[in-house]
Amino acid sequence: MSNIDFLFLEFYIQKKYDKKVEEYFNIGKQSVSDWRVSNQIPSKRLIEFIKKEKSSDIHELFNRIYPELV
């Protein structure tokens, strides 16, 4: 589906929205802890992220938070 891993997702959400992953998805800390340990995001949540952000392209997402580097 996509090559977005948990670390990038966490970084993106923190930089763009100044939120924690659990706040962005409105879920519990334990669920996010499991994702952090495995460095994987459940498909359902990944699809939710892609729909919200309208992209699964890491370069495009990175450029949204650091447009001056493009």
PDB file of N, CA and C in Angstrom:
ATOM      1  N   MET A   1       0.822  -1.193   0.000  1.00  0.00           N
ATOM      2  CA  MET A   1       0.000   0.000   0.000  1.00  0.00           C
ATOM      3  C   MET A   1       0.866   1.258   0.000  1.00  0.00           C
ATOM      4  N   SER A   2       1.613   1.440   1.080  1.00  0.00           N
ATOM      5  CA  SER A   2       2.425   2.640   1.218  1.00  0.00           C
ATOM      6  C   SER A   2       3.669   2.307   2.021  1.00  0.00           C
ATOM      7  N   ASN A   3       4.697   3.082   1.842  1.00  0.00           N
ATOM      8  CA  ASN A   3       5.922   2.832   2.593  1.00  0.00           C
ATOM      9  C   ASN A   3       6.080   3.814   3.757  1.00  0.00           C
ATOM     10  N   ILE A   4       4.979   4.361   4.240  1.00  0.00           N
ATOM     11  CA  ILE A   4       5.008   5.240   5.402  1.00  0.00           C
ATOM     12  C   ILE A   4       5.157   4.371   6.649  1.00  0.00           C
ATOM     13  N   ASP A   5       6.203   4.608   7.405  1.00  0.00           N
ATOM     14  CA  ASP A   5       6.361   3.853   8.648  1.00  0.00           C
ATOM     15  C   ASP A   5       5.934   4.719   9.838  1.00  0.00           C
ATOM     16  N   PHE A   6       5.900   4.103  10.993  1.00  0.00           N
ATOM     17  CA  PHE A   6       5.408   4.810  12.174  1.00  0.00           C
ATOM     18  C   PHE A   6       6.259   6.033  12.507  1.00  0.00           C
ATOM     19  N   LEU A   7       7.554   5.916  12.403  1.00  0.00           N
ATOM     20  CA  LEU A   7       8.423   7.034  12.772  1.00  0.00           C
ATOM     21  C   LEU A   7       8.162   8.268  11.911  1.00  0.00           C
ATOM     22  N   PHE A   8       7.964   8.048  10.607  1.00  0.00           N
ATOM     23  CA  PHE A   8       7.651   9.189   9.739  1.00  0.00           C
ATOM     24  C   PHE A   8       6.289   9.762  10.089  1.00  0.00           C
ATOM     25  N   LEU A   9       5.310   8.898  10.301  1.00  0.00           N
ATOM     26  CA  LEU A   9       3.962   9.333  10.651  1.00  0.00           C
ATOM     27  C   LEU A   9       3.990  10.187  11.915  1.00  0.00           C
ATOM     28  N   GLU A  10       4.693   9.716  12.924  1.00  0.00           N
ATOM     29  CA  GLU A  10       4.803  10.439  14.192  1.00  0.00           C
ATOM     30  C   GLU A  10       5.474  11.796  13.987  1.00  0.00           C
ATOM     31  N   PHE A  11       6.554  11.812  13.231  1.00  0.00           N
ATOM     32  CA  PHE A  11       7.287  13.046  12.919  1.00  0.00           C
ATOM     33  C   PHE A  11       6.382  14.039  12.188  1.00  0.00           C
ATOM     34  N   TYR A  12       5.689  13.574  11.169  1.00  0.00           N
ATOM     35  CA  TYR A  12       4.822  14.432  10.359  1.00  0.00           C
ATOM     36  C   TYR A  12       3.711  15.055  11.211  1.00  0.00           C
ATOM     37  N   ILE A  13       3.034  14.237  11.985  1.00  0.00           N
ATOM     38  CA  ILE A  13       1.923  14.724  12.814  1.00  0.00           C
ATOM     39  C   ILE A  13       2.430  15.732  13.842  1.00  0.00           C
ATOM     40  N   GLN A  14       3.569  15.457  14.442  1.00  0.00           N
ATOM     41  CA  GLN A  14       4.138  16.377  15.433  1.00  0.00           C
ATOM     42  C   GLN A  14       4.514  17.718  14.797  1.00  0.00           C
ATOM     43  N   LYS A  15       5.177  17.678  13.651  1.00  0.00           N
ATOM     44  CA  LYS A  15       5.630  18.916  13.004  1.00  0.00           C
ATOM     45  C   LYS A  15       4.477  19.715  12.410  1.00  0.00           C
ATOM     46  N   LYS A  16       3.553  19.034  11.755  1.00  0.00           N
ATOM     47  CA  LYS A  16       2.479  19.750  11.066  1.00  0.00           C
ATOM     48  C   LYS A  16       1.370  20.208  12.005  1.00  0.00           C
ATOM     49  N   TYR A  17       1.004  19.386  12.971  1.00  0.00           N
ATOM     50  CA  TYR A  17      -0.151  19.686  13.813  1.00  0.00           C
ATOM     51  C   TYR A  17       0.190  19.923  15.286  1.00  0.00           C
ATOM     52  N   ASP A  18       1.441  19.695  15.660  1.00  0.00           N
ATOM     53  CA  ASP A  18       1.858  19.803  17.058  1.00  0.00           C
ATOM     54  C   ASP A  18       0.964  18.938  17.952  1.00  0.00           C
ATOM     55  N   LYS A  19       0.723  17.711  17.489  1.00  0.00           N
ATOM     56  CA  LYS A  19      -0.089  16.739  18.213  1.00  0.00           C
ATOM     57  C   LYS A  19       0.660  15.431  18.327  1.00  0.00           C
ATOM     58  N   LYS A  20       0.230  14.630  19.278  1.00  0.00           N
ATOM     59  CA  LYS A  20       0.728  13.263  19.385  1.00  0.00           C
ATOM     60  C   LYS A  20      -0.133  12.384  18.486  1.00  0.00           C
ATOM     61  N   VAL A  21       0.403  11.245  18.111  1.00  0.00           N
ATOM     62  CA  VAL A  21      -0.319  10.328  17.229  1.00  0.00           C
ATOM     63  C   VAL A  21      -1.669   9.943  17.821  1.00  0.00           C
ATOM     64  N   GLU A  22      -1.695   9.682  19.120  1.00  0.00           N
ATOM     65  CA  GLU A  22      -2.960   9.280  19.745  1.00  0.00           C
ATOM     66  C   GLU A  22      -4.002  10.392  19.691  1.00  0.00           C
ATOM     67  N   GLU A  23      -3.571  11.639  19.716  1.00  0.00           N
ATOM     68  CA  GLU A  23      -4.504  12.762  19.581  1.00  0.00           C
ATOM     69  C   GLU A  23      -5.021  12.863  18.143  1.00  0.00           C
ATOM     70  N   TYR A  24      -4.130  12.712  17.192  1.00  0.00           N
ATOM     71  CA  TYR A  24      -4.488  12.804  15.771  1.00  0.00           C
ATOM     72  C   TYR A  24      -5.552  11.768  15.413  1.00  0.00           C
ATOM     73  N   PHE A  25      -5.364  10.531  15.885  1.00  0.00           N
ATOM     74  CA  PHE A  25      -6.306   9.453  15.566  1.00  0.00           C
ATOM     75  C   PHE A  25      -7.390   9.272  16.628  1.00  0.00           C
ATOM     76  N   ASN A  26      -7.286  10.001  17.739  1.00  0.00           N
ATOM     77  CA  ASN A  26      -8.234   9.894  18.844  1.00  0.00           C
ATOM     78  C   ASN A  26      -8.332   8.448  19.355  1.00  0.00           C
ATOM     79  N   ILE A  27      -7.173   7.896  19.703  1.00  0.00           N
ATOM     80  CA  ILE A  27      -7.093   6.526  20.219  1.00  0.00           C
ATOM     81  C   ILE A  27      -6.229   6.505  21.481  1.00  0.00           C
ATOM     82  N   GLY A  28      -6.199   5.356  22.133  1.00  0.00           N
ATOM     83  CA  GLY A  28      -5.447   5.206  23.372  1.00  0.00           C
ATOM     84  C   GLY A  28      -3.945   5.098  23.182  1.00  0.00           C
ATOM     85  N   LYS A  29      -3.225   5.429  24.257  1.00  0.00           N
ATOM     86  CA  LYS A  29      -1.761   5.380  24.229  1.00  0.00           C
ATOM     87  C   LYS A  29      -1.230   3.967  24.031  1.00  0.00           C
ATOM     88  N   GLN A  30      -1.929   2.954  24.565  1.00  0.00           N
ATOM     89  CA  GLN A  30      -1.458   1.577  24.435  1.00  0.00           C
ATOM     90  C   GLN A  30      -1.422   1.133  22.970  1.00  0.00           C
ATOM     91  N   SER A  31      -2.441   1.514  22.200  1.00  0.00           N
ATOM     92  CA  SER A  31      -2.457   1.163  20.776  1.00  0.00           C
ATOM     93  C   SER A  31      -1.249   1.759  20.068  1.00  0.00           C
ATOM     94  N   VAL A  32      -0.997   3.028  20.348  1.00  0.00           N
ATOM     95  CA  VAL A  32       0.126   3.717  19.714  1.00  0.00           C
ATOM     96  C   VAL A  32       1.449   3.114  20.174  1.00  0.00           C
ATOM     97  N   SER A  33       1.524   2.708  21.423  1.00  0.00           N
ATOM     98  CA  SER A  33       2.729   2.062  21.931  1.00  0.00           C
ATOM     99  C   SER A  33       3.036   0.789  21.146  1.00  0.00           C
ATOM    100  N   ASP A  34       2.003   0.021  20.839  1.00  0.00           N
ATOM    101  CA  ASP A  34       2.188  -1.194  20.038  1.00  0.00           C
ATOM    102  C   ASP A  34       2.716  -0.856  18.645  1.00  0.00           C
ATOM    103  N   TRP A  35       2.207   0.217  18.048  1.00  0.00           N
ATOM    104  CA  TRP A  35       2.676   0.638  16.726  1.00  0.00           C
ATOM    105  C   TRP A  35       4.149   1.038  16.798  1.00  0.00           C
ATOM    106  N   ARG A  36       4.485   1.752  17.873  1.00  0.00           N
ATOM    107  CA  ARG A  36       5.860   2.240  18.046  1.00  0.00           C
ATOM    108  C   ARG A  36       6.834   1.064  18.143  1.00  0.00           C
ATOM    109  N   VAL A  37       6.457   0.054  18.904  1.00  0.00           N
ATOM    110  CA  VAL A  37       7.315  -1.121  19.096  1.00  0.00           C
ATOM    111  C   VAL A  37       7.531  -1.855  17.765  1.00  0.00           C
ATOM    112  N   SER A  38       6.469  -2.001  16.997  1.00  0.00           N
ATOM    113  CA  SER A  38       6.559  -2.740  15.728  1.00  0.00           C
ATOM    114  C   SER A  38       6.976  -1.852  14.561  1.00  0.00           C
ATOM    115  N   ASN A  39       6.925  -0.511  14.754  1.00  0.00           N
ATOM    116  CA  ASN A  39       7.196   0.463  13.692  1.00  0.00           C
ATOM    117  C   ASN A  39       6.274   0.249  12.498  1.00  0.00           C
ATOM    118  N   GLN A  40       5.045  -0.173  12.778  1.00  0.00           N
ATOM    119  CA  GLN A  40       4.052  -0.379  11.729  1.00  0.00           C
ATOM    120  C   GLN A  40       2.731   0.241  12.138  1.00  0.00           C
ATOM    121  N   ILE A  41       1.966   0.649  11.142  1.00  0.00           N
ATOM    122  CA  ILE A  41       0.680   1.280  11.351  1.00  0.00           C
ATOM    123  C   ILE A  41      -0.397   0.336  10.820  1.00  0.00           C
ATOM    124  N   PRO A  42      -1.457   0.095  11.581  1.00  0.00           N
ATOM    125  CA  PRO A  42      -2.543  -0.738  11.066  1.00  0.00           C
ATOM    126  C   PRO A  42      -3.121  -0.148   9.772  1.00  0.00           C
ATOM    127  N   SER A  43      -3.482  -1.006   8.853  1.00  0.00           N
ATOM    128  CA  SER A  43      -3.993  -0.567   7.548  1.00  0.00           C
ATOM    129  C   SER A  43      -5.127   0.436   7.666  1.00  0.00           C
ATOM    130  N   LYS A  44      -6.047   0.180   8.583  1.00  0.00           N
ATOM    131  CA  LYS A  44      -7.197   1.072   8.770  1.00  0.00           C
ATOM    132  C   LYS A  44      -6.736   2.494   9.102  1.00  0.00           C
ATOM    133  N   ARG A  45      -5.757   2.605   9.983  1.00  0.00           N
ATOM    134  CA  ARG A  45      -5.261   3.926  10.383  1.00  0.00           C
ATOM    135  C   ARG A  45      -4.424   4.571   9.293  1.00  0.00           C
ATOM    136  N   LEU A  46      -3.691   3.767   8.552  1.00  0.00           N
ATOM    137  CA  LEU A  46      -2.901   4.294   7.443  1.00  0.00           C
ATOM    138  C   LEU A  46      -3.824   4.869   6.369  1.00  0.00           C
ATOM    139  N   ILE A  47      -4.898   4.153   6.077  1.00  0.00           N
ATOM    140  CA  ILE A  47      -5.878   4.645   5.102  1.00  0.00           C
ATOM    141  C   ILE A  47      -6.507   5.945   5.600  1.00  0.00           C
ATOM    142  N   GLU A  48      -6.817   6.000   6.881  1.00  0.00           N
ATOM    143  CA  GLU A  48      -7.379   7.219   7.483  1.00  0.00           C
ATOM    144  C   GLU A  48      -6.405   8.393   7.318  1.00  0.00           C
ATOM    145  N   PHE A  49      -5.131   8.148   7.588  1.00  0.00           N
ATOM    146  CA  PHE A  49      -4.111   9.185   7.447  1.00  0.00           C
ATOM    147  C   PHE A  49      -4.023   9.656   5.989  1.00  0.00           C
ATOM    148  N   ILE A  50      -3.983   8.735   5.068  1.00  0.00           N
ATOM    149  CA  ILE A  50      -3.864   9.079   3.647  1.00  0.00           C
ATOM    150  C   ILE A  50      -5.077   9.883   3.181  1.00  0.00           C
ATOM    151  N   LYS A  51      -6.255   9.513   3.639  1.00  0.00           N
ATOM    152  CA  LYS A  51      -7.462  10.266   3.272  1.00  0.00           C
ATOM    153  C   LYS A  51      -7.437  11.675   3.856  1.00  0.00           C
ATOM    154  N   LYS A  52      -7.030  11.804   5.107  1.00  0.00           N
ATOM    155  CA  LYS A  52      -6.966  13.130   5.746  1.00  0.00           C
ATOM    156  C   LYS A  52      -5.942  14.025   5.065  1.00  0.00           C
ATOM    157  N   GLU A  53      -4.788  13.455   4.763  1.00  0.00           N
ATOM    158  CA  GLU A  53      -3.685  14.242   4.203  1.00  0.00           C
ATOM    159  C   GLU A  53      -3.717  14.313   2.679  1.00  0.00           C
ATOM    160  N   LYS A  54      -4.562  13.500   2.076  1.00  0.00           N
ATOM    161  CA  LYS A  54      -4.718  13.454   0.615  1.00  0.00           C
ATOM    162  C   LYS A  54      -3.423  13.108  -0.118  1.00  0.00           C
ATOM    163  N   SER A  55      -2.607  12.282   0.547  1.00  0.00           N
ATOM    164  CA  SER A  55      -1.364  11.834  -0.082  1.00  0.00           C
ATOM    165  C   SER A  55      -0.746  10.693   0.719  1.00  0.00           C
ATOM    166  N   SER A  56      -0.046   9.832  -0.001  1.00  0.00           N
ATOM    167  CA  SER A  56       0.763   8.803   0.651  1.00  0.00           C
ATOM    168  C   SER A  56       2.220   8.935   0.220  1.00  0.00           C
ATOM    169  N   ASP A  57       2.520  10.005  -0.500  1.00  0.00           N
ATOM    170  CA  ASP A  57       3.867  10.250  -1.008  1.00  0.00           C
ATOM    171  C   ASP A  57       4.704  10.946   0.073  1.00  0.00           C
ATOM    172  N   ILE A  58       5.707  10.256   0.560  1.00  0.00           N
ATOM    173  CA  ILE A  58       6.536  10.796   1.644  1.00  0.00           C
ATOM    174  C   ILE A  58       7.205  12.108   1.250  1.00  0.00           C
ATOM    175  N   HIS A  59       7.664  12.202   0.025  1.00  0.00           N
ATOM    176  CA  HIS A  59       8.316  13.441  -0.419  1.00  0.00           C
ATOM    177  C   HIS A  59       7.335  14.615  -0.394  1.00  0.00           C
ATOM    178  N   GLU A  60       6.148  14.381  -0.877  1.00  0.00           N
ATOM    179  CA  GLU A  60       5.130  15.429  -0.865  1.00  0.00           C
ATOM    180  C   GLU A  60       4.783  15.839   0.570  1.00  0.00           C
ATOM    181  N   LEU A  61       4.607  14.870   1.439  1.00  0.00           N
ATOM    182  CA  LEU A  61       4.284  15.162   2.829  1.00  0.00           C
ATOM    183  C   LEU A  61       5.415  15.931   3.510  1.00  0.00           C
ATOM    184  N   PHE A  62       6.642  15.510   3.254  1.00  0.00           N
ATOM    185  CA  PHE A  62       7.802  16.202   3.814  1.00  0.00           C
ATOM    186  C   PHE A  62       7.849  17.652   3.329  1.00  0.00           C
ATOM    187  N   ASN A  63       7.570  17.853   2.049  1.00  0.00           N
ATOM    188  CA  ASN A  63       7.579  19.211   1.485  1.00  0.00           C
ATOM    189  C   ASN A  63       6.503  20.093   2.095  1.00  0.00           C
ATOM    190  N   ARG A  64       5.448  19.504   2.595  1.00  0.00           N
ATOM    191  CA  ARG A  64       4.394  20.296   3.250  1.00  0.00           C
ATOM    192  C   ARG A  64       4.869  20.877   4.573  1.00  0.00           C
ATOM    193  N   ILE A  65       5.738  20.168   5.256  1.00  0.00           N
ATOM    194  CA  ILE A  65       6.215  20.697   6.537  1.00  0.00           C
ATOM    195  C   ILE A  65       7.514  21.483   6.409  1.00  0.00           C
ATOM    196  N   TYR A  66       8.239  21.273   5.321  1.00  0.00           N
ATOM    197  CA  TYR A  66       9.467  22.022   5.066  1.00  0.00           C
ATOM    198  C   TYR A  66       9.486  22.531   3.623  1.00  0.00           C
ATOM    199  N   PRO A  67       8.562  23.408   3.254  1.00  0.00           N
ATOM    200  CA  PRO A  67       8.492  23.869   1.857  1.00  0.00           C
ATOM    201  C   PRO A  67       9.719  24.653   1.418  1.00  0.00           C
ATOM    202  N   GLU A  68      10.413  25.278   2.363  1.00  0.00           N
ATOM    203  CA  GLU A  68      11.585  26.086   1.993  1.00  0.00           C
ATOM    204  C   GLU A  68      12.761  25.227   1.512  1.00  0.00           C
ATOM    205  N   LEU A  69      12.701  23.936   1.742  1.00  0.00           N
ATOM    206  CA  LEU A  69      13.787  23.053   1.314  1.00  0.00           C
ATOM    207  C   LEU A  69      13.576  22.495  -0.085  1.00  0.00           C
ATOM    208  N   VAL A  70      12.469  22.818  -0.687  1.00  0.00           N
ATOM    209  CA  VAL A  70      12.143  22.270  -2.021  1.00  0.00           C
ATOM    210  C   VAL A  70      12.864  23.052  -3.081  1.00  0.00           C
TER     211      VAL A  70
END
